[in-house]
Every structure is written in structure tokens, then in C-alpha cells.
Amino acid sequence: MFKYFFKISAYNIAIALVILTATSCAPSRALHGNLVTPDRTENLAFGKSTKDDVMRALGSPTSRAAFNDNIWYYIGIETTKQGFMDPKIKNKKVVLVAFDEQGALSRFENITEDGVDVPIVSRETPTHGTNLTVLEQLLGNVGRFNAAADQGQLDR
């Protein structure tokens, strides 16, 4: 009976490993931000659509201009990742939506300028002071006490 159990278990384990290996290489898709698609913008009209209309159609903006509340940005990135590899950008889009002083839609444009990839710096900021070893940290307070204070003979 145990021989039959172990044969089935080894067989099940082998099948499970094959399934896990096959599915671990399947690409995964991730969407970050708010990726504006053309079907979501077809009901918007220049001069007629308000901020509320744009908000209903596209959702809340990813960002707003720092000094002008009438300029909204929708930023979205779609990435795919294969196994343990780094994700690759499949689609990225930045859309600028501007409104006039009355709050009506006045401009809608895709910003296609390539972004700048900022490299990560691995340097550390130096700090001033002493670098103590573990032994110096453990024995650092040995001898640093006030014998007069411990005996209650403080100067008054």
C-alpha cells in the first residue's frame, strides 16, 4: 500500500513541477497610472465638455499643473514581465487636458516626447563622526562614570 502511495506522490510532484515551470514563464501584464484610450474620449467635445464630463469619461487626473488648475495630466504605463526578467514597457502615454476660464474643454493633446531615464546612484552620503567597531561600541562606556555621583557626594 505504501509503495503505491509513494509512486502516486512522486508522479503528482513531477506533474506539479511541470505545471509550475510552464506557468512561471507566462507573461504578466501590469498597468500603472491612467492609460487614456480613444474609446474613452469619443464623447468629449471642445467648448462643450466640462471638467465633470472629463472626470466621468477619463477618471481623475494623474497630476495637475502646479500653477494652473485648468491643466490636467493623465499618465499611464503598461508593462509586461516574463518570468524573473525586468519588466518591459509595452505602452506609455501622457495626455494633456486643458480647460478655458469657464471650465470648458479647450485642448486635448498627446505628449509624445520621450522621457529621460534617470539612473539610480548607488553612492552613500558620508556622515561625519567616528566609525566605531563592534568591540568599541560594547566597551565604549567602561570607565565613563562619575564615582562621586554614584556615592552621593555631588558638589552642591
N, C-alpha and C. Protein backbone atom coordinates (compact mmCIF):
# COMPACT_ATOMS: atom_id res chain seq x y z
N MET A 1 0.81 -1.19 0.00
CA MET A 1 0.00 0.00 0.00
C MET A 1 0.87 1.27 0.00
N PHE A 2 1.95 1.29 0.81
CA PHE A 2 2.83 2.45 0.86
C PHE A 2 3.58 2.65 -0.45
N LYS A 3 3.94 1.54 -1.12
CA LYS A 3 4.64 1.67 -2.40
C LYS A 3 3.74 2.39 -3.41
N TYR A 4 2.47 2.03 -3.43
CA TYR A 4 1.53 2.65 -4.34
C TYR A 4 1.37 4.14 -4.01
N PHE A 5 1.32 4.48 -2.73
CA PHE A 5 1.17 5.87 -2.29
C PHE A 5 2.38 6.71 -2.72
N PHE A 6 3.59 6.18 -2.53
CA PHE A 6 4.79 6.92 -2.88
C PHE A 6 4.94 7.06 -4.39
N LYS A 7 4.52 6.07 -5.17
CA LYS A 7 4.59 6.19 -6.62
C LYS A 7 3.64 7.28 -7.11
N ILE A 8 2.45 7.32 -6.54
CA ILE A 8 1.49 8.35 -6.94
C ILE A 8 2.00 9.72 -6.50
N SER A 9 2.58 9.81 -5.32
CA SER A 9 3.07 11.10 -4.83
C SER A 9 4.21 11.60 -5.70
N ALA A 10 5.14 10.74 -6.06
CA ALA A 10 6.25 11.16 -6.91
C ALA A 10 5.73 11.59 -8.27
N TYR A 11 4.75 10.87 -8.79
CA TYR A 11 4.14 11.21 -10.06
C TYR A 11 3.42 12.56 -9.97
N ASN A 12 2.68 12.76 -8.88
CA ASN A 12 1.97 14.04 -8.69
C ASN A 12 2.94 15.21 -8.53
N ILE A 13 4.02 14.95 -7.85
CA ILE A 13 5.02 16.01 -7.66
C ILE A 13 5.65 16.37 -8.99
N ALA A 14 5.95 15.37 -9.80
CA ALA A 14 6.54 15.64 -11.12
C ALA A 14 5.57 16.44 -11.99
N ILE A 15 4.31 16.07 -11.97
CA ILE A 15 3.29 16.81 -12.75
C ILE A 15 3.19 18.24 -12.24
N ALA A 16 3.17 18.43 -10.92
CA ALA A 16 3.08 19.77 -10.34
C ALA A 16 4.28 20.62 -10.72
N LEU A 17 5.48 20.04 -10.73
CA LEU A 17 6.67 20.78 -11.12
C LEU A 17 6.61 21.20 -12.58
N VAL A 18 6.12 20.33 -13.43
CA VAL A 18 5.99 20.67 -14.85
C VAL A 18 4.99 21.81 -15.03
N ILE A 19 3.87 21.75 -14.33
CA ILE A 19 2.86 22.80 -14.43
C ILE A 19 3.40 24.12 -13.90
N LEU A 20 4.08 24.09 -12.76
CA LEU A 20 4.64 25.32 -12.20
C LEU A 20 5.71 25.91 -13.10
N THR A 21 6.52 25.07 -13.71
CA THR A 21 7.56 25.56 -14.61
C THR A 21 6.94 26.20 -15.84
N ALA A 22 5.92 25.59 -16.38
CA ALA A 22 5.28 26.13 -17.58
C ALA A 22 4.56 27.44 -17.29
N THR A 23 3.89 27.55 -16.15
CA THR A 23 3.15 28.77 -15.84
C THR A 23 4.03 29.90 -15.33
N SER A 24 5.21 29.59 -14.82
CA SER A 24 6.07 30.66 -14.31
C SER A 24 6.65 31.50 -15.45
N CYS A 25 6.66 30.98 -16.65
CA CYS A 25 7.19 31.72 -17.79
C CYS A 25 6.12 32.50 -18.53
N ALA A 26 4.88 32.40 -18.11
CA ALA A 26 3.81 33.14 -18.77
C ALA A 26 3.98 34.63 -18.49
N PRO A 27 3.81 35.47 -19.50
CA PRO A 27 3.99 36.91 -19.28
C PRO A 27 2.86 37.48 -18.42
N SER A 28 3.22 38.42 -17.56
CA SER A 28 2.22 39.11 -16.75
C SER A 28 2.17 40.57 -17.19
N ARG A 29 0.98 41.13 -17.20
CA ARG A 29 0.74 42.50 -17.66
C ARG A 29 0.39 43.36 -16.45
N ALA A 30 0.97 44.55 -16.39
CA ALA A 30 0.67 45.48 -15.30
C ALA A 30 0.37 46.85 -15.88
N LEU A 31 -0.61 47.52 -15.32
CA LEU A 31 -0.99 48.85 -15.77
C LEU A 31 -0.80 49.81 -14.59
N HIS A 32 -0.02 50.87 -14.81
CA HIS A 32 0.24 51.87 -13.77
C HIS A 32 -0.29 53.21 -14.26
N GLY A 33 -0.96 53.90 -13.38
CA GLY A 33 -1.48 55.21 -13.73
C GLY A 33 -2.82 55.12 -14.43
N ASN A 34 -3.08 56.06 -15.31
CA ASN A 34 -4.36 56.14 -16.02
C ASN A 34 -4.06 56.21 -17.51
N LEU A 35 -4.14 55.08 -18.19
CA LEU A 35 -3.85 55.00 -19.62
C LEU A 35 -5.12 55.36 -20.40
N VAL A 36 -5.12 56.52 -21.04
CA VAL A 36 -6.29 57.02 -21.77
C VAL A 36 -6.36 56.33 -23.13
N THR A 37 -7.51 55.74 -23.42
CA THR A 37 -7.74 55.08 -24.70
C THR A 37 -8.71 55.92 -25.53
N PRO A 38 -8.64 55.80 -26.86
CA PRO A 38 -9.51 56.63 -27.72
C PRO A 38 -11.00 56.41 -27.49
N ASP A 39 -11.41 55.20 -27.14
CA ASP A 39 -12.84 54.96 -26.93
C ASP A 39 -13.39 55.72 -25.72
N ARG A 40 -12.54 56.09 -24.79
CA ARG A 40 -13.00 56.85 -23.62
C ARG A 40 -13.14 58.33 -23.92
N THR A 41 -12.53 58.80 -25.01
CA THR A 41 -12.56 60.23 -25.33
C THR A 41 -13.55 60.60 -26.42
N GLU A 42 -14.23 59.62 -27.01
CA GLU A 42 -15.09 59.92 -28.16
C GLU A 42 -16.30 60.78 -27.82
N ASN A 43 -16.75 60.80 -26.58
CA ASN A 43 -17.92 61.61 -26.20
C ASN A 43 -17.55 63.02 -25.72
N LEU A 44 -16.26 63.36 -25.72
CA LEU A 44 -15.83 64.68 -25.28
C LEU A 44 -15.83 65.64 -26.46
N ALA A 45 -16.31 66.87 -26.25
CA ALA A 45 -16.37 67.88 -27.31
C ALA A 45 -15.72 69.17 -26.82
N PHE A 46 -14.90 69.76 -27.69
CA PHE A 46 -14.23 71.01 -27.34
C PHE A 46 -15.26 72.13 -27.18
N GLY A 47 -15.11 72.90 -26.13
CA GLY A 47 -16.01 74.02 -25.86
C GLY A 47 -17.31 73.63 -25.19
N LYS A 48 -17.65 72.35 -25.16
CA LYS A 48 -18.91 71.91 -24.55
C LYS A 48 -18.69 71.05 -23.30
N SER A 49 -17.72 70.18 -23.34
CA SER A 49 -17.47 69.28 -22.20
C SER A 49 -16.86 70.06 -21.05
N THR A 50 -17.35 69.78 -19.85
CA THR A 50 -16.88 70.46 -18.64
C THR A 50 -15.88 69.57 -17.91
N LYS A 51 -15.36 70.07 -16.82
CA LYS A 51 -14.42 69.28 -16.01
C LYS A 51 -15.11 68.02 -15.48
N ASP A 52 -16.37 68.15 -15.11
CA ASP A 52 -17.10 66.98 -14.63
C ASP A 52 -17.27 65.93 -15.72
N ASP A 53 -17.52 66.37 -16.96
CA ASP A 53 -17.65 65.44 -18.08
C ASP A 53 -16.34 64.69 -18.32
N VAL A 54 -15.25 65.43 -18.28
CA VAL A 54 -13.93 64.80 -18.48
C VAL A 54 -13.63 63.84 -17.33
N MET A 55 -13.99 64.23 -16.13
CA MET A 55 -13.75 63.37 -14.96
C MET A 55 -14.56 62.07 -15.08
N ARG A 56 -15.79 62.16 -15.56
CA ARG A 56 -16.61 60.95 -15.75
C ARG A 56 -16.04 60.06 -16.85
N ALA A 57 -15.55 60.66 -17.92
CA ALA A 57 -15.06 59.88 -19.06
C ALA A 57 -13.69 59.29 -18.81
N LEU A 58 -12.79 60.05 -18.21
CA LEU A 58 -11.40 59.61 -18.07
C LEU A 58 -10.99 59.26 -16.65
N GLY A 59 -11.78 59.65 -15.68
CA GLY A 59 -11.39 59.45 -14.29
C GLY A 59 -10.62 60.65 -13.79
N SER A 60 -10.16 60.57 -12.56
CA SER A 60 -9.42 61.71 -12.01
C SER A 60 -8.03 61.77 -12.64
N PRO A 61 -7.51 62.98 -12.81
CA PRO A 61 -6.20 63.11 -13.47
C PRO A 61 -5.08 62.57 -12.59
N THR A 62 -4.04 62.12 -13.23
CA THR A 62 -2.86 61.64 -12.50
C THR A 62 -2.17 62.80 -11.81
N SER A 63 -2.13 63.94 -12.49
CA SER A 63 -1.48 65.12 -11.95
C SER A 63 -2.15 66.37 -12.50
N ARG A 64 -1.97 67.47 -11.79
CA ARG A 64 -2.46 68.77 -12.26
C ARG A 64 -1.27 69.71 -12.32
N ALA A 65 -1.35 70.70 -13.20
CA ALA A 65 -0.26 71.67 -13.32
C ALA A 65 -0.08 72.39 -11.99
N ALA A 66 1.15 72.72 -11.69
CA ALA A 66 1.47 73.32 -10.39
C ALA A 66 0.83 74.69 -10.20
N PHE A 67 0.81 75.50 -11.25
CA PHE A 67 0.32 76.87 -11.09
C PHE A 67 -0.95 77.16 -11.88
N ASN A 68 -1.56 76.12 -12.46
CA ASN A 68 -2.77 76.32 -13.24
C ASN A 68 -3.68 75.12 -13.04
N ASP A 69 -4.76 75.31 -12.33
CA ASP A 69 -5.67 74.20 -12.03
C ASP A 69 -6.51 73.79 -13.24
N ASN A 70 -6.38 74.52 -14.34
CA ASN A 70 -7.12 74.20 -15.55
C ASN A 70 -6.34 73.28 -16.50
N ILE A 71 -5.19 72.81 -16.10
CA ILE A 71 -4.40 71.89 -16.91
C ILE A 71 -4.24 70.58 -16.14
N TRP A 72 -4.72 69.52 -16.76
CA TRP A 72 -4.66 68.19 -16.15
C TRP A 72 -3.78 67.29 -16.99
N TYR A 73 -3.09 66.35 -16.31
CA TYR A 73 -2.26 65.36 -16.99
C TYR A 73 -2.76 63.96 -16.64
N TYR A 74 -2.89 63.14 -17.66
CA TYR A 74 -3.21 61.72 -17.48
C TYR A 74 -1.99 60.94 -17.93
N ILE A 75 -1.37 60.22 -17.01
CA ILE A 75 -0.13 59.50 -17.29
C ILE A 75 -0.39 58.01 -17.06
N GLY A 76 -0.04 57.19 -18.05
CA GLY A 76 -0.26 55.75 -17.93
C GLY A 76 0.86 54.96 -18.58
N ILE A 77 1.22 53.85 -17.95
CA ILE A 77 2.25 52.96 -18.48
C ILE A 77 1.76 51.53 -18.36
N GLU A 78 1.89 50.79 -19.45
CA GLU A 78 1.56 49.37 -19.46
C GLU A 78 2.86 48.59 -19.64
N THR A 79 3.13 47.67 -18.72
CA THR A 79 4.36 46.88 -18.79
C THR A 79 4.03 45.39 -18.86
N THR A 80 4.94 44.63 -19.42
CA THR A 80 4.83 43.17 -19.41
C THR A 80 6.10 42.62 -18.80
N LYS A 81 5.94 41.54 -18.05
CA LYS A 81 7.07 40.91 -17.38
C LYS A 81 7.04 39.42 -17.68
N GLN A 82 8.18 38.90 -18.10
CA GLN A 82 8.31 37.49 -18.45
C GLN A 82 9.18 36.82 -17.39
N GLY A 83 8.57 35.96 -16.58
CA GLY A 83 9.32 35.23 -15.55
C GLY A 83 9.99 36.17 -14.57
N PHE A 84 11.30 35.98 -14.40
CA PHE A 84 12.04 36.80 -13.44
C PHE A 84 12.75 37.97 -14.11
N MET A 85 12.52 38.18 -15.39
CA MET A 85 13.17 39.26 -16.12
C MET A 85 12.59 40.61 -15.69
N ASP A 86 13.32 41.69 -15.98
CA ASP A 86 12.83 43.03 -15.69
C ASP A 86 11.64 43.35 -16.58
N PRO A 87 10.69 44.13 -16.08
CA PRO A 87 9.53 44.48 -16.90
C PRO A 87 9.93 45.35 -18.09
N LYS A 88 9.23 45.15 -19.19
CA LYS A 88 9.46 45.94 -20.40
C LYS A 88 8.23 46.82 -20.64
N ILE A 89 8.46 48.07 -21.03
CA ILE A 89 7.37 49.00 -21.29
C ILE A 89 6.74 48.66 -22.63
N LYS A 90 5.47 48.33 -22.60
CA LYS A 90 4.73 48.00 -23.81
C LYS A 90 4.05 49.23 -24.40
N ASN A 91 3.52 50.08 -23.53
CA ASN A 91 2.79 51.26 -23.98
C ASN A 91 2.88 52.32 -22.90
N LYS A 92 3.23 53.53 -23.28
CA LYS A 92 3.22 54.63 -22.32
C LYS A 92 2.61 55.84 -23.00
N LYS A 93 1.85 56.57 -22.23
CA LYS A 93 1.11 57.68 -22.81
C LYS A 93 0.93 58.78 -21.78
N VAL A 94 1.17 60.02 -22.21
CA VAL A 94 0.91 61.20 -21.39
C VAL A 94 -0.06 62.08 -22.18
N VAL A 95 -1.19 62.38 -21.58
CA VAL A 95 -2.23 63.19 -22.23
C VAL A 95 -2.43 64.46 -21.42
N LEU A 96 -2.40 65.60 -22.13
CA LEU A 96 -2.64 66.90 -21.50
C LEU A 96 -4.06 67.32 -21.84
N VAL A 97 -4.83 67.67 -20.82
CA VAL A 97 -6.20 68.15 -21.00
C VAL A 97 -6.25 69.54 -20.39
N ALA A 98 -6.66 70.53 -21.20
CA ALA A 98 -6.72 71.91 -20.72
C ALA A 98 -8.15 72.44 -20.83
N PHE A 99 -8.49 73.33 -19.92
CA PHE A 99 -9.81 73.94 -19.87
C PHE A 99 -9.65 75.46 -19.96
N ASP A 100 -10.69 76.14 -20.51
CA ASP A 100 -10.65 77.60 -20.55
C ASP A 100 -11.11 78.16 -19.20
N GLU A 101 -11.23 79.46 -19.10
CA GLU A 101 -11.60 80.11 -17.84
C GLU A 101 -13.01 79.75 -17.37
N GLN A 102 -13.89 79.37 -18.30
CA GLN A 102 -15.25 78.99 -17.94
C GLN A 102 -15.33 77.51 -17.54
N GLY A 103 -14.25 76.76 -17.67
CA GLY A 103 -14.23 75.35 -17.29
C GLY A 103 -14.60 74.41 -18.42
N ALA A 104 -14.64 74.89 -19.66
CA ALA A 104 -14.95 74.04 -20.81
C ALA A 104 -13.66 73.50 -21.42
N LEU A 105 -13.73 72.32 -22.00
CA LEU A 105 -12.58 71.67 -22.61
C LEU A 105 -12.07 72.51 -23.78
N SER A 106 -10.79 72.89 -23.73
CA SER A 106 -10.23 73.72 -24.80
C SER A 106 -9.09 73.04 -25.55
N ARG A 107 -8.42 72.11 -24.92
CA ARG A 107 -7.27 71.46 -25.57
C ARG A 107 -7.14 70.03 -25.06
N PHE A 108 -6.79 69.14 -25.99
CA PHE A 108 -6.59 67.73 -25.65
C PHE A 108 -5.44 67.25 -26.54
N GLU A 109 -4.29 66.96 -25.94
CA GLU A 109 -3.16 66.56 -26.78
C GLU A 109 -2.35 65.45 -26.13
N ASN A 110 -1.84 64.58 -27.02
CA ASN A 110 -0.94 63.52 -26.58
C ASN A 110 0.48 64.08 -26.57
N ILE A 111 1.15 63.93 -25.48
CA ILE A 111 2.53 64.36 -25.38
C ILE A 111 3.39 63.15 -25.71
N THR A 112 4.13 63.24 -26.82
CA THR A 112 4.87 62.09 -27.31
C THR A 112 6.37 62.20 -27.09
N GLU A 113 6.81 63.21 -26.39
CA GLU A 113 8.24 63.36 -26.16
C GLU A 113 8.74 62.19 -25.32
N ASP A 114 9.90 61.69 -25.71
CA ASP A 114 10.49 60.59 -24.94
C ASP A 114 10.98 61.12 -23.61
N GLY A 115 10.72 60.35 -22.58
CA GLY A 115 11.17 60.74 -21.24
C GLY A 115 12.65 60.47 -21.07
N VAL A 116 13.20 61.02 -20.03
CA VAL A 116 14.60 60.82 -19.72
C VAL A 116 14.69 59.76 -18.63
N ASP A 117 15.48 58.74 -18.88
CA ASP A 117 15.67 57.69 -17.89
C ASP A 117 16.73 58.16 -16.89
N VAL A 118 16.32 58.37 -15.66
CA VAL A 118 17.23 58.85 -14.62
C VAL A 118 17.88 57.65 -13.95
N PRO A 119 19.21 57.54 -14.04
CA PRO A 119 19.87 56.39 -13.43
C PRO A 119 19.88 56.49 -11.91
N ILE A 120 19.83 55.35 -11.27
CA ILE A 120 19.88 55.30 -9.81
C ILE A 120 21.34 55.32 -9.38
N VAL A 121 21.67 56.20 -8.46
CA VAL A 121 23.04 56.33 -7.98
C VAL A 121 23.18 55.48 -6.73
N SER A 122 24.21 54.65 -6.70
CA SER A 122 24.38 53.73 -5.57
C SER A 122 25.36 54.25 -4.51
N ARG A 123 25.81 55.50 -4.67
CA ARG A 123 26.74 56.05 -3.68
C ARG A 123 26.03 56.28 -2.36
N GLU A 124 26.80 56.35 -1.30
CA GLU A 124 26.25 56.65 0.01
C GLU A 124 26.74 58.02 0.44
N THR A 125 25.89 58.73 1.14
CA THR A 125 26.26 60.04 1.66
C THR A 125 27.15 59.84 2.88
N PRO A 126 28.36 60.42 2.87
CA PRO A 126 29.24 60.24 4.03
C PRO A 126 28.71 61.00 5.24
N THR A 127 28.87 60.42 6.39
CA THR A 127 28.49 61.08 7.63
C THR A 127 29.74 61.37 8.44
N HIS A 128 29.69 62.45 9.17
CA HIS A 128 30.85 62.82 9.98
C HIS A 128 30.75 62.19 11.35
N GLY A 129 31.86 61.98 11.94
CA GLY A 129 31.90 61.34 13.25
C GLY A 129 32.88 60.20 13.22
N THR A 130 32.89 59.45 14.27
CA THR A 130 33.83 58.33 14.34
C THR A 130 33.15 57.05 13.92
N ASN A 131 33.92 56.19 13.30
CA ASN A 131 33.43 54.88 12.93
C ASN A 131 33.90 53.90 14.01
N LEU A 132 32.97 53.43 14.80
CA LEU A 132 33.32 52.55 15.91
C LEU A 132 33.16 51.10 15.48
N THR A 133 34.07 50.29 15.95
CA THR A 133 33.94 48.86 15.72
C THR A 133 32.95 48.29 16.74
N VAL A 134 32.58 47.05 16.56
CA VAL A 134 31.64 46.41 17.48
C VAL A 134 32.23 46.37 18.89
N LEU A 135 33.51 46.05 19.00
CA LEU A 135 34.16 45.97 20.31
C LEU A 135 34.19 47.35 20.98
N GLU A 136 34.45 48.40 20.20
CA GLU A 136 34.47 49.75 20.77
C GLU A 136 33.07 50.17 21.22
N GLN A 137 32.07 49.74 20.51
CA GLN A 137 30.71 50.07 20.91
C GLN A 137 30.33 49.34 22.19
N LEU A 138 30.74 48.09 22.32
CA LEU A 138 30.40 47.32 23.52
C LEU A 138 31.15 47.83 24.75
N LEU A 139 32.41 48.18 24.56
CA LEU A 139 33.23 48.59 25.70
C LEU A 139 33.38 50.10 25.80
N GLY A 140 32.62 50.85 25.04
CA GLY A 140 32.77 52.30 24.98
C GLY A 140 32.48 53.03 26.28
N ASN A 141 31.58 52.54 27.11
CA ASN A 141 31.23 53.24 28.34
C ASN A 141 31.97 52.72 29.56
N VAL A 142 32.85 51.76 29.37
CA VAL A 142 33.62 51.26 30.52
C VAL A 142 34.55 52.38 30.98
N GLY A 143 34.48 52.74 32.22
CA GLY A 143 35.32 53.79 32.78
C GLY A 143 34.71 55.17 32.66
N ARG A 144 33.57 55.30 32.02
CA ARG A 144 32.93 56.60 31.88
C ARG A 144 31.81 56.72 32.90
N PHE A 145 32.17 56.96 34.08
CA PHE A 145 31.17 57.17 35.12
C PHE A 145 31.73 58.16 36.12
N ASN A 146 30.88 58.72 36.91
CA ASN A 146 31.26 59.70 37.90
C ASN A 146 31.17 59.03 39.27
N ALA A 147 32.30 58.71 39.85
CA ALA A 147 32.34 58.00 41.12
C ALA A 147 31.69 58.82 42.23
N ALA A 148 31.85 60.12 42.19
CA ALA A 148 31.27 60.97 43.22
C ALA A 148 29.75 60.97 43.15
N ALA A 149 29.20 60.94 41.95
CA ALA A 149 27.75 60.92 41.80
C ALA A 149 27.18 59.59 42.26
N ASP A 150 27.90 58.52 42.02
CA ASP A 150 27.42 57.20 42.44
C ASP A 150 27.41 57.07 43.96
N GLN A 151 28.28 57.78 44.65
CA GLN A 151 28.35 57.66 46.10
C GLN A 151 27.54 58.76 46.79
N GLY A 152 26.86 59.59 46.04
CA GLY A 152 26.04 60.62 46.64
C GLY A 152 26.84 61.81 47.12
N GLN A 153 28.05 62.01 46.61
CA GLN A 153 28.91 63.10 47.04
C GLN A 153 28.99 64.18 45.96
N LEU A 154 27.87 64.61 45.47
CA LEU A 154 27.87 65.65 44.43
C LEU A 154 28.16 66.99 45.07
N ASP A 155 28.83 67.83 44.30
CA ASP A 155 29.07 69.19 44.78
C ASP A 155 27.78 69.98 44.70
N ARG A 156 27.48 70.71 45.79
CA ARG A 156 26.25 71.48 45.80
C ARG A 156 26.54 72.92 45.78
